[in-house]
PDB file of N, CA and C in Angstrom:
ATOM      1  N   UNK A   1      10.226  11.872  30.924  1.00  0.00           N
ATOM      2  CA  UNK A   1      10.130  10.716  31.761  1.00  0.00           C
ATOM      3  C   UNK A   1      11.478  10.072  32.030  1.00  0.00           C
ATOM      4  N   UNK A   2      11.861   9.724  31.023  1.00  0.00           N
ATOM      5  CA  UNK A   2      13.177   9.018  31.078  1.00  0.00           C
ATOM      6  C   UNK A   2      14.454   9.584  31.846  1.00  0.00           C
ATOM      7  N   UNK A   3      14.309  11.038  31.783  1.00  0.00           N
ATOM      8  CA  UNK A   3      15.423  11.982  32.460  1.00  0.00           C
ATOM      9  C   UNK A   3      15.252  11.643  33.942  1.00  0.00           C
ATOM     10  N   UNK A   4      13.642  11.645  34.334  1.00  0.00           N
ATOM     11  CA  UNK A   4      13.405  11.681  35.833  1.00  0.00           C
ATOM     12  C   UNK A   4      13.674  10.177  36.278  1.00  0.00           C
ATOM     13  N   UNK A   5      13.648   9.261  35.405  1.00  0.00           N
ATOM     14  CA  UNK A   5      13.975   7.860  35.929  1.00  0.00           C
ATOM     15  C   UNK A   5      15.487   7.856  35.923  1.00  0.00           C
ATOM     16  N   UNK A   6      16.232   8.362  35.306  1.00  0.00           N
ATOM     17  CA  UNK A   6      17.705   8.380  35.249  1.00  0.00           C
ATOM     18  C   UNK A   6      18.214   9.128  36.339  1.00  0.00           C
ATOM     19  N   UNK A   7      17.506  10.182  36.621  1.00  0.00           N
ATOM     20  CA  UNK A   7      17.969  11.063  37.725  1.00  0.00           C
ATOM     21  C   UNK A   7      17.798  10.287  38.976  1.00  0.00           C
ATOM     22  N   UNK A   8      16.661   9.618  39.123  1.00  0.00           N
ATOM     23  CA  UNK A   8      16.475   8.864  40.453  1.00  0.00           C
ATOM     24  C   UNK A   8      17.317   7.627  40.708  1.00  0.00           C
ATOM     25  N   UNK A   9      17.563   7.021  39.568  1.00  0.00           N
ATOM     26  CA  UNK A   9      18.539   5.934  39.582  1.00  0.00           C
ATOM     27  C   UNK A   9      19.901   6.296  40.007  1.00  0.00           C
ATOM     28  N   UNK A  10      20.184   7.356  39.267  1.00  0.00           N
ATOM     29  CA  UNK A  10      21.588   8.005  39.684  1.00  0.00           C
ATOM     30  C   UNK A  10      21.770   8.461  41.175  1.00  0.00           C
ATOM     31  N   UNK A  11      20.703   8.982  41.489  1.00  0.00           N
ATOM     32  CA  UNK A  11      20.839   9.453  43.248  1.00  0.00           C
ATOM     33  C   UNK A  11      20.826   8.090  43.923  1.00  0.00           C
ATOM     34  N   UNK A  12      19.887   7.290  43.599  1.00  0.00           N
ATOM     35  CA  UNK A  12      19.859   5.826  44.380  1.00  0.00           C
ATOM     36  C   UNK A  12      21.288   5.324  44.363  1.00  0.00           C
ATOM     37  N   UNK A  13      21.912   5.023  43.275  1.00  0.00           N
ATOM     38  CA  UNK A  13      23.199   4.668  43.151  1.00  0.00           C
ATOM     39  C   UNK A  13      24.214   5.410  43.967  1.00  0.00           C
ATOM     40  N   UNK A  14      24.137   6.682  43.670  1.00  0.00           N
ATOM     41  CA  UNK A  14      24.970   7.576  44.555  1.00  0.00           C
ATOM     42  C   UNK A  14      24.913   7.464  45.938  1.00  0.00           C
ATOM     43  N   UNK A  15      23.818   7.423  46.416  1.00  0.00           N
ATOM     44  CA  UNK A  15      23.438   7.265  47.803  1.00  0.00           C
ATOM     45  C   UNK A  15      24.018   5.927  48.345  1.00  0.00           C
ATOM     46  N   UNK A  16      23.827   4.825  47.597  1.00  0.00           N
ATOM     47  CA  UNK A  16      24.378   3.324  48.041  1.00  0.00           C
ATOM     48  C   UNK A  16      25.956   3.442  47.895  1.00  0.00           C
ATOM     49  N   UNK A  17      26.447   4.139  46.838  1.00  0.00           N
ATOM     50  CA  UNK A  17      27.915   4.347  46.930  1.00  0.00           C
ATOM     51  C   UNK A  17      28.707   5.032  47.929  1.00  0.00           C
ATOM     52  N   UNK A  18      27.868   5.993  48.209  1.00  0.00           N
ATOM     53  CA  UNK A  18      28.280   7.041  49.419  1.00  0.00           C
ATOM     54  C   UNK A  18      28.442   6.225  50.649  1.00  0.00           C
ATOM     55  N   UNK A  19      27.345   5.186  50.980  1.00  0.00           N
ATOM     56  CA  UNK A  19      27.359   4.545  52.202  1.00  0.00           C
ATOM     57  C   UNK A  19      28.491   3.409  52.115  1.00  0.00           C
ATOM     58  N   UNK A  20      28.732   2.861  50.986  1.00  0.00           N
ATOM     59  CA  UNK A  20      29.836   1.949  50.704  1.00  0.00           C
ATOM     60  C   UNK A  20      31.028   2.605  51.104  1.00  0.00           C
ATOM     61  N   UNK A  21      31.269   3.902  50.429  1.00  0.00           N
ATOM     62  CA  UNK A  21      32.406   4.505  50.665  1.00  0.00           C
ATOM     63  C   UNK A  21      32.740   4.901  52.121  1.00  0.00           C
ATOM     64  N   UNK A  22      31.750   5.226  52.790  1.00  0.00           N
ATOM     65  CA  UNK A  22      31.865   5.630  54.283  1.00  0.00           C
ATOM     66  C   UNK A  22      32.104   4.455  55.170  1.00  0.00           C
ATOM     67  N   UNK A  23      31.569   3.426  54.813  1.00  0.00           N
ATOM     68  CA  UNK A  23      31.658   2.148  55.495  1.00  0.00           C
ATOM     69  C   UNK A  23      32.921   1.449  55.225  1.00  0.00           C
ATOM     70  N   UNK A  24      33.428   1.338  53.930  1.00  0.00           N
ATOM     71  CA  UNK A  24      34.655   0.722  53.927  1.00  0.00           C
ATOM     72  C   UNK A  24      35.736   1.651  53.521  1.00  0.00           C
ATOM     73  N   UNK A  25      35.664   3.107  53.602  1.00  0.00           N
ATOM     74  CA  UNK A  25      36.726   3.773  53.346  1.00  0.00           C
ATOM     75  C   UNK A  25      36.912   3.823  51.995  1.00  0.00           C
ATOM     76  N   UNK A  26      36.122   3.379  50.899  1.00  0.00           N
ATOM     77  CA  UNK A  26      36.270   3.375  49.646  1.00  0.00           C
ATOM     78  C   UNK A  26      36.222   4.605  48.674  1.00  0.00           C
ATOM     79  N   UNK A  27      37.261   5.472  49.238  1.00  0.00           N
ATOM     80  CA  UNK A  27      37.338   6.842  48.528  1.00  0.00           C
ATOM     81  C   UNK A  27      37.718   6.769  47.152  1.00  0.00           C
ATOM     82  N   UNK A  28      38.352   5.820  46.723  1.00  0.00           N
ATOM     83  CA  UNK A  28      38.831   5.572  45.505  1.00  0.00           C
ATOM     84  C   UNK A  28      37.692   5.306  44.580  1.00  0.00           C
ATOM     85  N   UNK A  29      36.956   4.440  45.009  1.00  0.00           N
ATOM     86  CA  UNK A  29      35.636   3.922  44.325  1.00  0.00           C
ATOM     87  C   UNK A  29      34.758   5.121  44.169  1.00  0.00           C
ATOM     88  N   UNK A  30      34.435   5.737  45.283  1.00  0.00           N
ATOM     89  CA  UNK A  30      33.415   7.103  45.285  1.00  0.00           C
ATOM     90  C   UNK A  30      33.974   7.973  44.116  1.00  0.00           C
ATOM     91  N   UNK A  31      35.171   8.400  44.113  1.00  0.00           N
ATOM     92  CA  UNK A  31      35.857   9.234  43.251  1.00  0.00           C
ATOM     93  C   UNK A  31      35.754   8.755  41.680  1.00  0.00           C
ATOM     94  N   UNK A  32      35.814   7.519  41.480  1.00  0.00           N
ATOM     95  CA  UNK A  32      35.693   6.939  40.122  1.00  0.00           C
ATOM     96  C   UNK A  32      34.331   7.113  39.654  1.00  0.00           C
ATOM     97  N   UNK A  33      33.373   6.596  40.565  1.00  0.00           N
ATOM     98  CA  UNK A  33      32.111   6.830  39.989  1.00  0.00           C
ATOM     99  C   UNK A  33      31.459   8.302  39.935  1.00  0.00           C
ATOM    100  N   UNK A  34      32.000   9.007  40.736  1.00  0.00           N
ATOM    101  CA  UNK A  34      31.535  10.468  40.637  1.00  0.00           C
ATOM    102  C   UNK A  34      32.330  11.017  39.471  1.00  0.00           C
ATOM    103  N   UNK A  35      33.411  10.872  38.967  1.00  0.00           N
ATOM    104  CA  UNK A  35      34.240  10.901  37.664  1.00  0.00           C
ATOM    105  C   UNK A  35      33.262  10.512  36.589  1.00  0.00           C
ATOM    106  N   UNK A  36      32.650   9.322  36.653  1.00  0.00           N
ATOM    107  CA  UNK A  36      31.732   8.679  35.683  1.00  0.00           C
ATOM    108  C   UNK A  36      30.447   9.624  35.461  1.00  0.00           C
ATOM    109  N   UNK A  37      29.880   9.794  36.619  1.00  0.00           N
ATOM    110  CA  UNK A  37      28.853  10.583  36.520  1.00  0.00           C
ATOM    111  C   UNK A  37      28.878  12.089  35.991  1.00  0.00           C
ATOM    112  N   UNK A  38      30.218  12.644  36.388  1.00  0.00           N
ATOM    113  CA  UNK A  38      30.481  13.962  35.712  1.00  0.00           C
ATOM    114  C   UNK A  38      30.761  13.948  34.241  1.00  0.00           C
ATOM    115  N   UNK A  39      31.379  12.905  33.780  1.00  0.00           N
ATOM    116  CA  UNK A  39      31.573  12.786  32.309  1.00  0.00           C
ATOM    117  C   UNK A  39      30.217  12.542  31.611  1.00  0.00           C
ATOM    118  N   UNK A  40      29.236  11.743  32.238  1.00  0.00           N
ATOM    119  CA  UNK A  40      27.927  11.615  31.780  1.00  0.00           C
ATOM    120  C   UNK A  40      27.069  12.875  31.462  1.00  0.00           C
ATOM    121  N   UNK A  41      27.302  13.683  32.533  1.00  0.00           N
ATOM    122  CA  UNK A  41      26.723  14.921  32.566  1.00  0.00           C
ATOM    123  C   UNK A  41      27.113  15.853  31.488  1.00  0.00           C
ATOM    124  N   UNK A  42      28.516  15.793  31.328  1.00  0.00           N
ATOM    125  CA  UNK A  42      29.208  16.703  30.269  1.00  0.00           C
ATOM    126  C   UNK A  42      28.704  16.193  28.948  1.00  0.00           C
ATOM    127  N   UNK A  43      28.814  14.776  28.671  1.00  0.00           N
ATOM    128  CA  UNK A  43      28.071  14.337  27.480  1.00  0.00           C
ATOM    129  C   UNK A  43      26.931  14.775  27.212  1.00  0.00           C
ATOM    130  N   UNK A  44      26.003  14.718  28.101  1.00  0.00           N
ATOM    131  CA  UNK A  44      24.544  14.901  27.824  1.00  0.00           C
ATOM    132  C   UNK A  44      24.489  16.626  27.619  1.00  0.00           C
ATOM    133  N   UNK A  45      25.398  17.315  28.169  1.00  0.00           N
ATOM    134  CA  UNK A  45      25.344  18.963  27.737  1.00  0.00           C
ATOM    135  C   UNK A  45      25.822  18.988  26.306  1.00  0.00           C
ATOM    136  N   UNK A  46      26.714  18.271  26.015  1.00  0.00           N
ATOM    137  CA  UNK A  46      27.299  18.427  24.654  1.00  0.00           C
ATOM    138  C   UNK A  46      26.181  18.035  23.593  1.00  0.00           C
ATOM    139  N   UNK A  47      25.395  16.944  23.843  1.00  0.00           N
ATOM    140  CA  UNK A  47      24.324  16.408  23.098  1.00  0.00           C
ATOM    141  C   UNK A  47      23.267  17.440  22.805  1.00  0.00           C
ATOM    142  N   UNK A  48      22.879  18.165  24.113  1.00  0.00           N
ATOM    143  CA  UNK A  48      21.754  19.232  23.947  1.00  0.00           C
ATOM    144  C   UNK A  48      22.314  20.342  22.981  1.00  0.00           C
ATOM    145  N   UNK A  49      23.738  20.604  23.237  1.00  0.00           N
ATOM    146  CA  UNK A  49      24.230  21.873  22.475  1.00  0.00           C
ATOM    147  C   UNK A  49      24.073  21.514  21.003  1.00  0.00           C
ATOM    148  N   UNK A  50      24.594  20.162  20.674  1.00  0.00           N
ATOM    149  CA  UNK A  50      24.519  19.770  19.187  1.00  0.00           C
ATOM    150  C   UNK A  50      23.082  19.787  18.834  1.00  0.00           C
ATOM    151  N   UNK A  51      22.253  19.470  19.608  1.00  0.00           N
ATOM    152  CA  UNK A  51      20.869  19.293  19.073  1.00  0.00           C
ATOM    153  C   UNK A  51      20.302  20.701  18.727  1.00  0.00           C
ATOM    154  N   UNK A  52      20.644  21.656  19.721  1.00  0.00           N
ATOM    155  CA  UNK A  52      20.112  22.928  19.514  1.00  0.00           C
ATOM    156  C   UNK A  52      20.867  23.664  18.300  1.00  0.00           C
ATOM    157  N   UNK A  53      22.113  23.419  18.129  1.00  0.00           N
ATOM    158  CA  UNK A  53      22.926  23.935  16.719  1.00  0.00           C
ATOM    159  C   UNK A  53      22.311  23.276  15.704  1.00  0.00           C
ATOM    160  N   UNK A  54      22.019  22.066  15.721  1.00  0.00           N
ATOM    161  CA  UNK A  54      21.370  21.270  14.457  1.00  0.00           C
ATOM    162  C   UNK A  54      19.901  22.151  14.144  1.00  0.00           C
ATOM    163  N   UNK A  55      19.200  22.346  15.035  1.00  0.00           N
ATOM    164  CA  UNK A  55      17.929  23.058  14.940  1.00  0.00           C
ATOM    165  C   UNK A  55      18.142  24.365  14.222  1.00  0.00           C
ATOM    166  N   UNK A  56      19.083  25.039  15.014  1.00  0.00           N
ATOM    167  CA  UNK A  56      19.304  26.399  14.333  1.00  0.00           C
ATOM    168  C   UNK A  56      19.897  26.267  12.679  1.00  0.00           C
ATOM    169  N   UNK A  57      20.636  25.425  12.546  1.00  0.00           N
ATOM    170  CA  UNK A  57      21.265  25.293  11.131  1.00  0.00           C
ATOM    171  C   UNK A  57      20.207  24.842  10.244  1.00  0.00           C
ATOM    172  N   UNK A  58      19.238  24.048  10.660  1.00  0.00           N
ATOM    173  CA  UNK A  58      17.960  23.505   9.830  1.00  0.00           C
ATOM    174  C   UNK A  58      17.043  24.553   9.551  1.00  0.00           C
ATOM    175  N   UNK A  59      16.964  25.806  10.603  1.00  0.00           N
ATOM    176  CA  UNK A  59      16.119  26.790  10.258  1.00  0.00           C
ATOM    177  C   UNK A  59      16.890  27.771   9.286  1.00  0.00           C
ATOM    178  N   UNK A  60      17.969  27.771   9.504  1.00  0.00           N
ATOM    179  CA  UNK A  60      18.836  28.680   8.536  1.00  0.00           C
ATOM    180  C   UNK A  60      18.781  28.166   6.970  1.00  0.00           C
ATOM    181  N   UNK A  61      18.874  26.727   6.931  1.00  0.00           N
ATOM    182  CA  UNK A  61      18.690  26.129   5.632  1.00  0.00           C
ATOM    183  C   UNK A  61      17.318  26.388   4.778  1.00  0.00           C
ATOM    184  N   UNK A  62      16.301  26.467   5.923  1.00  0.00           N
ATOM    185  CA  UNK A  62      14.842  26.614   5.364  1.00  0.00           C
ATOM    186  C   UNK A  62      14.736  28.030   4.748  1.00  0.00           C
ATOM    187  N   UNK A  63      15.600  29.059   5.426  1.00  0.00           N
ATOM    188  CA  UNK A  63      15.388  30.366   4.984  1.00  0.00           C
ATOM    189  C   UNK A  63      16.007  30.410   3.522  1.00  0.00           C
ATOM    190  N   UNK A  64      16.819  29.640   3.185  1.00  0.00           N
ATOM    191  CA  UNK A  64      17.489  29.937   1.825  1.00  0.00           C
ATOM    192  C   UNK A  64      16.654  29.789   0.602  1.00  0.00           C
TER     193      UNK A  64
END
């Protein structure tokens, strides 16, 4: 549920900033926000990967 809310909020913010960027020529602002969104996506990917590896490690430790 939280991820759906997060996605909808991000898309709303993205849409608003896109309007601002086109209205005011704020290409720099748009790039900065886009970069932040990309960093967040990458951070979430890493967190998922870490969680997956942690589960694998726990399974291996249980086998011993």
